[in-house]
Protein backbone atom coordinates (compact mmCIF):
# COMPACT_ATOMS: atom_id res chain seq x y z
CA MET A 1 100.97 89.27 106.25
CA ASN A 2 103.80 90.82 108.27
CA TYR A 3 103.28 94.57 107.90
CA ALA A 4 106.83 95.32 109.00
CA GLU A 5 108.02 93.24 106.04
CA LEU A 6 105.54 95.03 103.77
CA PHE A 7 106.93 98.40 104.82
CA ARG A 8 110.53 97.25 104.40
CA VAL A 9 110.01 95.84 100.90
CA THR A 10 107.96 98.84 99.72
CA LEU A 11 110.26 101.45 101.30
CA PRO A 12 111.40 102.89 97.89
CA GLU A 13 107.80 103.39 96.80
CA THR A 14 106.96 104.94 100.18
CA VAL A 15 109.86 107.38 99.87
CA LEU A 16 108.62 108.51 96.45
CA GLU A 17 105.08 109.03 97.71
CA VAL A 18 106.33 111.06 100.69
CA ALA A 19 108.53 113.10 98.33
CA ALA A 20 105.51 113.75 96.07
CA LEU A 21 103.49 115.05 99.02
CA LEU A 22 106.43 117.18 100.18
CA VAL A 23 106.76 118.72 96.71
CA LEU A 24 103.08 119.68 96.74
CA VAL A 25 103.31 121.19 100.24
CA VAL A 26 106.39 123.25 99.41
CA ASP A 27 105.18 124.40 95.98
CA LEU A 28 101.60 125.24 96.96
CA GLY A 29 102.54 126.52 100.40
CA ALA A 30 105.95 128.02 101.06
CA LEU A 31 106.72 128.95 97.44
CA ARG A 32 103.20 129.82 96.32
CA LYS A 33 104.15 133.42 95.43
CA ALA A 34 107.71 132.72 94.25
CA ALA A 35 108.92 133.06 90.66
CA LEU A 36 108.17 130.19 88.31
CA SER A 37 111.87 129.38 87.84
CA THR A 38 112.35 129.14 91.61
CA ARG A 39 109.32 126.89 92.03
CA THR A 40 110.44 124.67 89.16
CA ALA A 41 113.95 124.27 90.51
CA ALA A 42 112.73 123.58 94.05
CA ALA A 43 110.17 120.99 92.93
CA ALA A 44 112.63 119.24 90.63
CA TRP A 45 115.40 119.09 93.23
CA LEU A 46 113.03 117.80 95.92
CA GLY A 47 111.93 115.09 93.48
CA ILE A 48 115.54 114.22 92.70
CA LEU A 49 116.29 114.00 96.44
CA GLY A 50 113.37 111.60 96.79
CA CYS A 51 114.76 109.46 93.95
CA ALA A 52 118.22 109.43 95.59
CA VAL A 53 116.84 108.34 98.96
CA GLY A 54 114.62 105.77 97.23
CA ALA A 55 117.63 104.30 95.39
CA TRP A 56 119.46 104.00 98.71
CA THR A 57 116.51 102.20 100.34
CA VAL A 58 116.44 99.55 97.58
CA SER A 59 119.43 97.92 99.28
CA LEU A 60 117.49 97.73 102.57
CA ALA A 61 114.75 95.51 101.13
CA GLY A 62 116.67 92.29 101.81
CA ALA A 63 116.71 89.20 99.62
CA ASN A 64 113.54 87.33 100.63
CA GLY A 65 110.89 89.59 99.10
CA LEU A 66 107.33 89.88 100.35
CA ARG A 67 105.22 86.74 100.71
CA MET A 68 101.65 85.99 101.65
CA GLY A 69 100.71 82.43 102.50
CA GLY A 70 103.83 81.12 100.81
CA ASP A 71 103.21 82.97 97.54
CA LEU A 72 105.68 85.65 96.47
CA LEU A 73 104.06 89.07 95.94
CA LEU A 74 107.07 91.37 95.49
CA ALA A 75 110.60 90.27 94.66
CA THR A 76 113.75 91.97 95.89
CA GLY A 77 117.28 91.92 94.50
CA GLY A 78 118.13 90.42 91.13
CA THR A 79 116.17 91.86 88.21
CA ALA A 80 113.84 93.78 90.51
CA GLY A 81 116.64 95.52 92.41
CA ALA A 82 118.64 96.55 89.35
CA ALA A 83 115.54 97.73 87.48
CA GLN A 84 114.30 99.75 90.46
CA VAL A 85 117.59 101.61 90.86
CA GLY A 86 117.62 102.21 87.10
CA ILE A 87 114.07 103.57 87.20
CA LEU A 88 114.97 105.99 89.98
CA VAL A 89 118.11 107.24 88.19
CA LEU A 90 116.21 107.77 84.94
CA THR A 91 113.39 109.54 86.78
CA ALA A 92 115.91 111.92 88.35
CA LEU A 93 117.36 112.69 84.90
CA THR A 94 113.93 113.50 83.45
CA LEU A 95 113.31 115.84 86.41
CA LEU A 96 116.57 117.62 85.66
CA LEU A 97 115.44 118.11 82.06
CA PHE A 98 112.23 119.64 83.42
CA VAL A 99 114.20 122.55 84.91
CA GLY A 100 114.05 125.51 82.54
CA THR A 101 111.30 124.15 80.27
CA GLY A 102 108.48 126.44 81.43
CA PHE A 103 105.67 124.58 79.64
CA THR A 104 103.48 124.61 82.77
CA ARG A 105 102.93 126.74 85.86
CA ASN A 106 101.71 123.71 87.83
CA VAL A 107 105.23 122.51 88.55
CA GLY A 108 104.43 120.92 91.91
CA GLU A 109 101.65 118.82 90.44
CA TYR A 110 103.86 117.80 87.50
CA VAL A 111 106.73 116.58 89.70
CA ALA A 112 104.31 114.84 92.08
CA VAL A 113 102.70 112.93 89.20
CA VAL A 114 106.15 111.94 87.90
CA LEU A 115 107.11 110.56 91.31
CA MET A 116 103.85 108.67 91.75
CA ALA A 117 104.15 107.19 88.25
CA ALA A 118 107.72 106.16 89.07
CA ALA A 119 106.39 104.43 92.20
CA GLY A 120 104.11 102.43 89.94
CA GLY A 121 107.15 101.51 87.85
CA LEU A 122 108.93 100.25 90.98
CA ILE A 123 105.95 98.04 91.83
CA ILE A 124 105.86 96.61 88.30
CA ALA A 125 109.57 95.79 88.35
CA ALA A 126 109.17 93.74 91.55
CA ALA A 127 105.65 92.30 91.05
CA GLN A 128 105.23 88.52 91.17
CA ASP A 129 101.44 88.36 91.48
CA LEU A 130 98.80 89.09 88.85
CA LEU A 131 96.88 91.56 91.01
CA VAL A 132 100.03 93.40 92.07
CA ILE A 133 101.14 93.57 88.43
CA PHE A 134 97.83 95.12 87.39
CA ILE A 135 97.86 97.66 90.25
CA GLY A 136 101.41 98.73 89.37
CA LEU A 137 100.63 99.02 85.67
CA GLU A 138 97.56 101.16 86.29
CA LEU A 139 99.40 103.43 88.73
CA LEU A 140 102.11 103.99 86.14
CA SER A 141 99.70 104.35 83.23
CA LEU A 142 97.39 106.88 84.90
CA GLY A 143 100.38 109.06 85.65
CA LEU A 144 101.60 108.83 82.06
CA TYR A 145 98.20 109.88 80.67
CA VAL A 146 98.27 112.99 82.86
CA LEU A 147 101.89 113.84 82.01
CA THR A 148 101.16 113.61 78.29
CA ALA A 149 98.45 116.28 78.61
CA PHE A 150 100.41 118.62 80.86
CA ALA A 151 101.19 121.17 78.13
CA LYS A 152 97.73 122.72 78.41
CA LYS A 153 98.30 125.28 75.66
CA SER A 154 99.22 122.61 73.10
CA GLY A 155 96.52 120.98 71.02
CA LYS A 156 98.91 118.17 70.11
CA SER A 157 99.42 117.40 73.79
CA ALA A 158 95.68 117.09 74.43
CA GLU A 159 95.17 114.94 71.33
CA ALA A 160 98.10 112.69 72.20
CA SER A 161 96.85 112.23 75.75
CA MET A 162 93.36 111.30 74.58
CA LYS A 163 94.68 108.72 72.12
CA TYR A 164 97.08 107.36 74.73
CA TYR A 165 94.25 107.07 77.26
CA LEU A 166 91.88 105.30 74.86
CA PHE A 167 94.49 102.81 73.69
CA GLY A 168 95.62 102.34 77.29
CA GLY A 169 92.11 101.59 78.49
CA MET A 170 91.68 99.00 75.77
CA SER A 171 95.02 97.36 76.57
CA ALA A 172 94.13 97.26 80.27
CA ALA A 173 90.92 95.44 79.39
CA PHE A 174 92.83 92.85 77.35
CA LEU A 175 95.36 92.39 80.13
CA LEU A 176 92.73 92.01 82.86
CA PHE A 177 90.74 89.58 80.71
CA GLY A 178 93.87 87.48 80.15
CA PHE A 179 94.65 87.56 83.88
CA SER A 180 91.09 86.45 84.68
CA TYR A 181 91.53 83.43 82.39
CA LEU A 182 94.83 82.55 84.03
CA TYR A 183 93.23 82.81 87.46
CA GLY A 184 90.21 80.79 86.36
CA ILE A 185 92.25 77.91 84.97
CA SER A 186 94.92 77.87 87.69
CA GLY A 187 93.01 78.97 90.81
CA SER A 188 95.77 81.38 91.86
CA THR A 189 97.03 84.87 91.18
CA SER A 190 100.63 83.95 92.03
CA LEU A 191 102.74 84.15 88.88
CA HIS A 192 104.83 81.11 89.78
CA THR A 193 101.78 79.03 90.71
CA VAL A 194 100.09 79.95 87.44
CA VAL A 195 103.17 78.83 85.51
CA GLN A 196 103.37 75.56 87.44
CA GLU A 197 99.70 74.81 86.89
CA SER A 198 100.06 75.52 83.16
CA PHE A 199 101.85 72.19 82.71
CA PHE A 200 98.89 70.29 84.14
CA LEU A 201 96.52 72.37 82.04
CA SER A 202 98.33 71.46 78.85
CA VAL A 203 98.08 67.78 79.75
CA SER A 204 94.42 67.94 80.82
CA GLY A 205 93.22 69.58 77.60
CA ALA A 206 92.93 73.22 78.66
CA ALA A 207 95.75 74.32 76.35
CA PRO A 208 93.52 76.35 73.92
CA LEU A 209 92.26 78.50 76.81
CA LEU A 210 95.83 78.96 77.99
CA TRP A 211 96.84 80.19 74.51
CA ILE A 212 93.98 82.71 74.49
CA ALA A 213 94.95 83.97 77.94
CA LEU A 214 98.60 84.42 77.01
CA VAL A 215 97.79 86.20 73.76
CA MET A 216 95.61 88.66 75.69
CA VAL A 217 98.33 89.20 78.29
CA ALA A 218 100.84 89.76 75.48
CA ALA A 219 98.47 92.31 73.93
CA GLY A 220 98.18 94.22 77.20
CA LEU A 221 101.90 94.22 77.90
CA GLY A 222 102.70 94.82 74.23
CA PHE A 223 100.93 98.17 74.53
CA LYS A 224 103.18 99.18 77.43
CA ILE A 225 106.36 98.50 75.45
CA ALA A 226 104.98 99.78 72.10
CA ALA A 227 105.37 96.46 70.31
CA VAL A 228 103.70 95.96 66.92
CA PRO A 229 100.70 95.84 66.44
CA PHE A 230 100.05 97.59 69.77
CA HIS A 231 102.26 100.58 69.01
CA LEU A 232 99.79 102.98 67.40
CA TRP A 233 99.75 105.31 70.40
CA ALA A 234 103.52 105.83 70.45
CA PRO A 235 104.15 108.23 67.51
CA ASP A 236 101.40 110.67 68.53
CA THR A 237 102.32 110.49 72.22
CA TYR A 238 106.04 110.99 71.63
CA GLU A 239 105.24 113.92 69.33
CA GLY A 240 102.58 115.63 71.42
CA ALA A 241 103.77 115.14 75.00
CA PRO A 242 106.07 117.72 76.64
CA ALA A 243 109.69 116.68 76.04
CA PRO A 244 110.47 115.71 79.68
CA ALA A 245 107.24 113.67 79.83
CA ALA A 246 108.05 111.97 76.51
CA ALA A 247 111.52 111.14 77.85
CA PHE A 248 109.93 109.64 80.98
CA ILE A 249 107.51 107.55 78.91
CA ALA A 250 110.28 106.34 76.59
CA SER A 251 112.64 105.35 79.41
CA VAL A 252 111.08 104.65 82.80
CA SER A 253 107.95 103.02 81.41
CA LYS A 254 110.03 100.75 79.18
CA VAL A 255 112.42 99.70 81.97
CA ALA A 256 109.53 98.80 84.29
CA SER A 257 107.59 96.88 81.63
CA PHE A 258 110.58 94.90 80.39
CA ALA A 259 111.60 94.08 83.97
CA LEU A 260 108.14 92.54 84.35
CA LEU A 261 108.58 90.61 81.11
CA ILE A 262 111.91 89.30 82.41
CA SER A 263 110.13 88.01 85.52
CA ILE A 264 107.41 86.34 83.44
CA SER A 265 109.90 84.75 81.03
CA ALA A 266 112.02 83.49 83.92
CA ALA A 267 108.94 81.98 85.54
CA VAL A 268 107.87 80.36 82.26
CA LEU A 269 111.22 78.56 82.10
CA HIS A 270 110.63 77.11 85.56
CA VAL A 271 111.90 73.50 85.76
CA PHE A 272 109.37 71.18 87.38
CA ASP A 273 110.49 68.44 89.72
CA GLY A 274 109.53 64.76 89.62
CA ALA A 275 106.70 65.17 92.12
CA HIS A 276 104.82 67.44 89.76
CA ILE A 277 105.25 64.99 86.91
CA VAL A 278 103.99 62.08 89.05
CA ARG A 279 100.86 64.09 89.79
CA VAL A 280 100.05 64.28 86.09
CA ILE A 281 101.37 61.21 84.32
CA GLY A 282 102.28 58.86 87.18
CA SER A 283 105.91 58.80 86.12
CA THR A 284 109.15 60.47 87.13
CA GLY A 285 110.43 60.58 83.57
CA PRO A 286 112.05 63.68 82.09
CA LEU A 287 109.89 66.75 81.62
CA PRO A 288 109.51 67.93 78.02
CA ARG A 289 111.72 70.93 77.26
CA TYR A 290 108.75 73.08 76.27
CA ALA A 291 105.82 72.37 78.56
CA GLY A 292 102.81 74.35 79.64
CA MET A 293 103.23 78.07 78.90
CA GLN A 294 106.59 77.81 77.18
CA VAL A 295 105.50 77.21 73.60
CA PRO A 296 102.69 79.81 73.42
CA TRP A 297 104.62 82.44 75.38
CA LEU A 298 107.90 82.16 73.48
CA LEU A 299 106.14 81.92 70.11
CA THR A 300 104.10 85.05 70.92
CA LEU A 301 107.25 86.97 71.89
CA THR A 302 108.99 85.87 68.68
CA VAL A 303 106.13 87.08 66.48
CA LEU A 304 105.99 90.43 68.31
CA SER A 305 109.77 90.76 68.01
CA VAL A 306 109.91 90.21 64.26
CA ALA A 307 106.94 92.49 63.57
CA SER A 308 108.38 95.27 65.76
CA MET A 309 111.85 95.12 64.21
CA LEU A 310 110.49 95.25 60.67
CA LEU A 311 107.74 97.85 61.01
CA GLY A 312 109.57 100.06 63.50
CA ASN A 313 112.67 100.48 61.36
CA LEU A 314 110.89 100.72 58.02
CA ALA A 315 108.34 103.25 59.29
CA ALA A 316 111.10 105.40 60.80
CA LEU A 317 112.58 105.85 57.31
CA ALA A 318 109.56 107.91 56.25
CA GLN A 319 109.52 110.30 59.22
CA SER A 320 110.33 114.00 58.99
CA SER A 321 109.62 114.66 62.68
CA VAL A 322 112.50 113.66 64.96
CA ARG A 323 110.06 112.90 67.77
CA ARG A 324 108.12 110.47 65.58
CA LEU A 325 111.41 109.02 64.35
CA LEU A 326 112.36 108.31 67.97
CA ALA A 327 108.92 106.74 68.51
CA TYR A 328 109.34 104.26 65.67
CA SER A 329 112.92 103.73 66.78
CA ALA A 330 111.51 102.77 70.19
CA VAL A 331 109.25 100.22 68.49
CA ALA A 332 112.29 98.72 66.75
CA HIS A 333 114.31 98.59 69.97
CA ALA A 334 111.39 96.85 71.67
CA GLY A 335 111.67 94.21 68.93
CA TYR A 336 115.36 93.64 69.67
CA ILE A 337 114.69 93.25 73.38
CA LEU A 338 111.75 90.90 72.77
CA LEU A 339 114.13 88.72 70.75
CA GLY A 340 116.27 88.35 73.87
CA LEU A 341 113.18 87.40 75.87
CA ALA A 342 111.99 84.92 73.24
CA PHE A 343 115.32 83.06 73.58
CA PHE A 344 115.60 83.30 77.34
CA SER A 345 117.79 81.04 79.44
CA SER A 346 117.29 79.86 83.02
CA THR A 347 120.69 81.33 83.89
CA ASN A 348 121.15 84.99 84.74
CA ALA A 349 122.95 85.76 81.45
CA SER A 350 119.79 86.53 79.47
CA ALA A 351 118.23 88.64 82.22
CA GLN A 352 121.41 90.66 82.62
CA ALA A 353 121.75 91.19 78.86
CA VAL A 354 118.16 92.46 78.62
CA LEU A 355 118.63 94.71 81.67
CA TYR A 356 121.84 96.11 80.20
CA TYR A 357 119.98 96.93 76.98
CA ILE A 358 116.94 98.60 78.52
CA LEU A 359 118.97 100.67 81.00
CA THR A 360 121.39 101.97 78.38
CA TYR A 361 118.57 102.55 75.90
CA GLY A 362 116.62 104.50 78.52
CA LEU A 363 119.65 106.66 79.32
CA THR A 364 120.35 107.41 75.65
CA THR A 365 116.71 108.15 74.85
CA ILE A 366 116.44 110.69 77.67
CA GLY A 367 119.45 112.47 76.17
CA ALA A 368 117.91 112.37 72.70
CA PHE A 369 114.66 113.95 73.92
CA GLY A 370 116.70 116.53 75.80
CA VAL A 371 118.37 117.55 72.54
CA VAL A 372 115.01 117.69 70.75
CA SER A 373 113.63 119.82 73.57
CA VAL A 374 116.41 122.42 73.23
CA VAL A 375 116.09 122.61 69.44
CA GLU A 376 112.31 122.75 69.63
CA ARG A 377 112.30 125.64 72.12
CA ALA A 378 114.72 127.59 69.91
CA THR A 379 113.10 126.93 66.53
CA GLY A 380 109.50 126.04 67.37
CA SER A 381 109.72 122.74 65.50
CA ASP A 382 110.99 119.18 65.97
CA ARG A 383 111.27 118.48 62.24
CA MET A 384 114.60 117.49 60.75
CA GLU A 385 114.94 120.89 59.08
CA ALA A 386 115.12 122.46 62.55
CA PHE A 387 118.45 120.66 63.06
CA LEU A 388 120.07 122.26 59.99
CA GLY A 389 123.45 123.71 60.85
CA LEU A 390 123.25 122.77 64.53
CA GLN A 391 127.00 122.25 64.52
CA LYS A 392 127.49 125.99 63.95
CA ARG A 393 124.63 127.15 66.13
CA ASN A 394 125.62 125.09 69.19
CA PRO A 395 128.72 122.85 68.75
CA LEU A 396 128.37 121.18 72.16
CA LEU A 397 124.74 120.25 71.51
CA ALA A 398 125.71 118.94 68.07
CA ALA A 399 128.40 116.73 69.61
CA VAL A 400 125.92 115.35 72.12
CA THR A 401 123.50 114.60 69.28
CA LEU A 402 126.25 112.78 67.38
CA PHE A 403 127.16 110.46 70.25
CA LEU A 404 123.58 109.74 71.30
CA PHE A 405 122.24 108.93 67.83
CA LEU A 406 125.25 106.80 66.91
CA SER A 407 124.80 104.90 70.17
CA LEU A 408 121.14 104.27 69.34
CA ALA A 409 122.32 102.90 66.00
CA GLY A 410 124.76 100.55 67.77
CA ILE A 411 128.04 102.00 66.52
CA PRO A 412 131.18 101.02 68.50
CA PRO A 413 132.69 101.95 70.86
CA LEU A 414 129.53 103.56 72.25
CA VAL A 415 127.37 101.77 74.80
CA GLY A 416 124.60 101.00 72.29
CA PHE A 417 126.96 98.66 70.45
CA TRP A 418 127.65 96.59 73.58
CA ALA A 419 123.95 96.50 74.44
CA LYS A 420 123.15 94.87 71.11
CA PHE A 421 126.25 92.68 71.15
CA ASN A 422 125.44 91.28 74.60
CA LEU A 423 121.80 90.71 73.71
CA PHE A 424 122.50 88.91 70.43
CA ALA A 425 125.28 86.87 72.06
CA ALA A 426 122.84 85.81 74.80
CA VAL A 427 120.32 84.72 72.14
CA LEU A 428 122.91 82.61 70.32
CA GLY A 429 124.13 81.26 73.65
CA VAL A 430 120.67 79.81 74.27
CA SER A 431 120.12 78.36 70.81
CA HIS A 432 122.33 77.68 67.78
CA SER A 433 119.35 76.68 65.64
CA GLY A 434 118.74 78.11 62.21
CA VAL A 435 115.76 80.05 63.55
CA ALA A 436 117.88 81.82 66.17
CA LEU A 437 120.63 82.57 63.66
CA GLY A 438 118.09 83.89 61.16
CA LEU A 439 116.43 86.16 63.72
CA VAL A 440 119.76 87.56 64.90
CA ALA A 441 120.73 88.16 61.26
CA LEU A 442 117.42 89.99 60.74
CA ALA A 443 118.06 92.12 63.84
CA ILE A 444 121.54 93.06 62.56
CA ALA A 445 120.12 93.93 59.15
CA MET A 446 117.45 96.11 60.76
CA SER A 447 120.16 97.81 62.83
CA ALA A 448 121.84 98.73 59.56
CA VAL A 449 118.55 100.23 58.38
CA SER A 450 118.32 102.23 61.60
CA LEU A 451 121.78 103.68 60.97
CA TYR A 452 120.42 105.27 57.79
CA TYR A 453 117.65 107.25 59.46
CA TYR A 454 119.82 108.27 62.40
CA LEU A 455 122.38 109.54 59.89
CA GLN A 456 119.66 111.59 58.22
CA VAL A 457 119.44 113.66 61.40
CA LEU A 458 123.23 113.89 61.76
CA LYS A 459 123.51 114.89 58.10
CA ARG A 460 121.44 117.96 58.84
CA VAL A 461 123.43 118.68 61.97
CA TYR A 462 126.87 118.53 60.36
CA VAL A 463 126.68 118.48 56.55
CA MET A 464 123.73 120.43 55.17
CA PRO A 465 123.92 124.25 55.26
CA ALA A 466 122.09 126.12 57.99
CA ALA A 467 118.91 128.00 57.15
CA GLU A 468 119.99 130.56 59.73
CA GLU A 469 123.00 130.89 62.01
CA THR A 470 121.40 132.33 65.13
CA PRO A 471 122.99 130.58 68.12
CA ILE A 472 120.84 128.04 69.95
CA ALA A 473 121.16 128.44 73.71
CA ALA A 474 120.33 125.70 76.19
CA HIS A 475 119.47 126.08 79.86
CA PRO A 476 122.67 125.46 81.91
CA VAL A 477 121.12 122.56 83.84
CA THR A 478 119.82 120.96 80.64
CA MET A 479 123.18 121.32 78.90
CA THR A 480 125.02 119.88 81.89
CA VAL A 481 122.69 116.87 82.00
CA LEU A 482 123.08 116.26 78.26
CA LEU A 483 126.87 116.43 78.51
CA LEU A 484 126.84 113.99 81.44
CA ILE A 485 124.61 111.57 79.53
CA ALA A 486 126.87 111.78 76.46
CA ALA A 487 129.93 111.21 78.68
CA ALA A 488 128.22 108.18 80.26
CA VAL A 489 127.39 106.77 76.81
CA ILE A 490 131.05 107.06 75.81
CA ALA A 491 132.48 105.82 79.13
CA LEU A 492 130.16 102.81 79.37
CA GLY A 493 131.00 101.99 75.75
CA CYS A 494 134.73 102.09 76.43
CA PHE A 495 134.36 100.21 79.72
CA PRO A 496 131.25 98.03 79.32
CA SER A 497 132.15 95.87 82.32
CA LEU A 498 131.30 98.76 84.66
CA LEU A 499 127.57 98.45 84.08
CA GLN A 500 127.73 94.67 83.59
CA ASN A 501 129.40 94.16 86.96
CA TRP A 502 126.96 96.54 88.63
CA ILE A 503 123.96 94.59 87.28
CA ALA A 504 125.58 91.27 88.23
CA SER A 505 126.03 92.50 91.81
CA PHE A 506 122.24 92.30 92.32
CA TYR A 507 122.14 88.55 91.55
């Protein structure tokens, strides 16, 4: 391996690790006796600087990626490049929300863990090898477990972290077991080699073992994206974790995991040449449309998609906690995105549609958790009743809530509408079958259901009378970030080509 190439490709991750160490040195050294607000601001801004430099270094990685013996380990550009920049931007936003929260005195450690977890997300987004994928997932996951428990005075935080850790350990076992099967039946850890060998496996009679391996891999990755039935950790984690940590889990973790799923789906649709076919059947005839991993992988994604859309939206109807509502909403959104991956095309259109969705969803979700954080600090609760009369208590915060929740529901002309429109159009562009039409119709119907429970929150903000009219004040940095996110949601909805062209520039 060329170590100069290794350093060049992993420069964004290196920058984040150096920034994490710098945060610890400054917080525990130079600012050890400073006020908590000063330490928090310094740690957050150093972390944001690290994210900015890391985003700049993504463009320096080149287009060839990192290879070892001809096998691709880390990709650059394309899906990996766009997802990495998105992860860094979203990480910076969650660090801005951390300013003024005051839920911990260990601010240096908190920011350092966020940066190291984000580095794991960058590895996941670019990973093209089973071992690299697992290392990236564990680096991200270990950071998320710690962040969930960072509110040391909260019993809910400790409980949520324990549940998250136990479910995460189980999912890691499933994922590693599935990877071991794939390695055993293909003789390689390279993702593309595994996919190529899957065609020969299906011909030679090893298909049942391949199905088992893919189901286990889907179970492990399904936990990361909170897809049904691997979503049980999400409501408790979203409710118990500190608001900035919950925003990080709901955005950065999702972007990294779905970027990995894009890479896997793209590899599964790999078109084999005649030489491969000769090796198996002694003929250069046409390759079947669905060979090797395609049938089990796409069928698994379809089942997860339908289950997530149905359970996520229906369970959200019964929630009185806005945090838990956002958790089940995240499950539903995972179902929509999985639908785009289940009907994936070999062109860049599907990948770009999925990237557009996960980036805009991550941005909107960070804003939503920022709103919940402000209301929760003022009222001591995240239940819907805490939002009563918000329009009178803080009109700007109420307006931000309106735009963010309507965008999550997919109402035009906000960016959430275009995210769903592009995704469903990409699905129908791949297949005009009755199955595809039925699944898109189901997704639209479930979006209508989601509008109902989002409106339940907005009803309390604007329509129902306030229990009290004491003004709700937000930290200036937090309010500025929320206003910028709301402005971005509106601007990207009015000019959707801005983000589309930016994503396309990486391909």
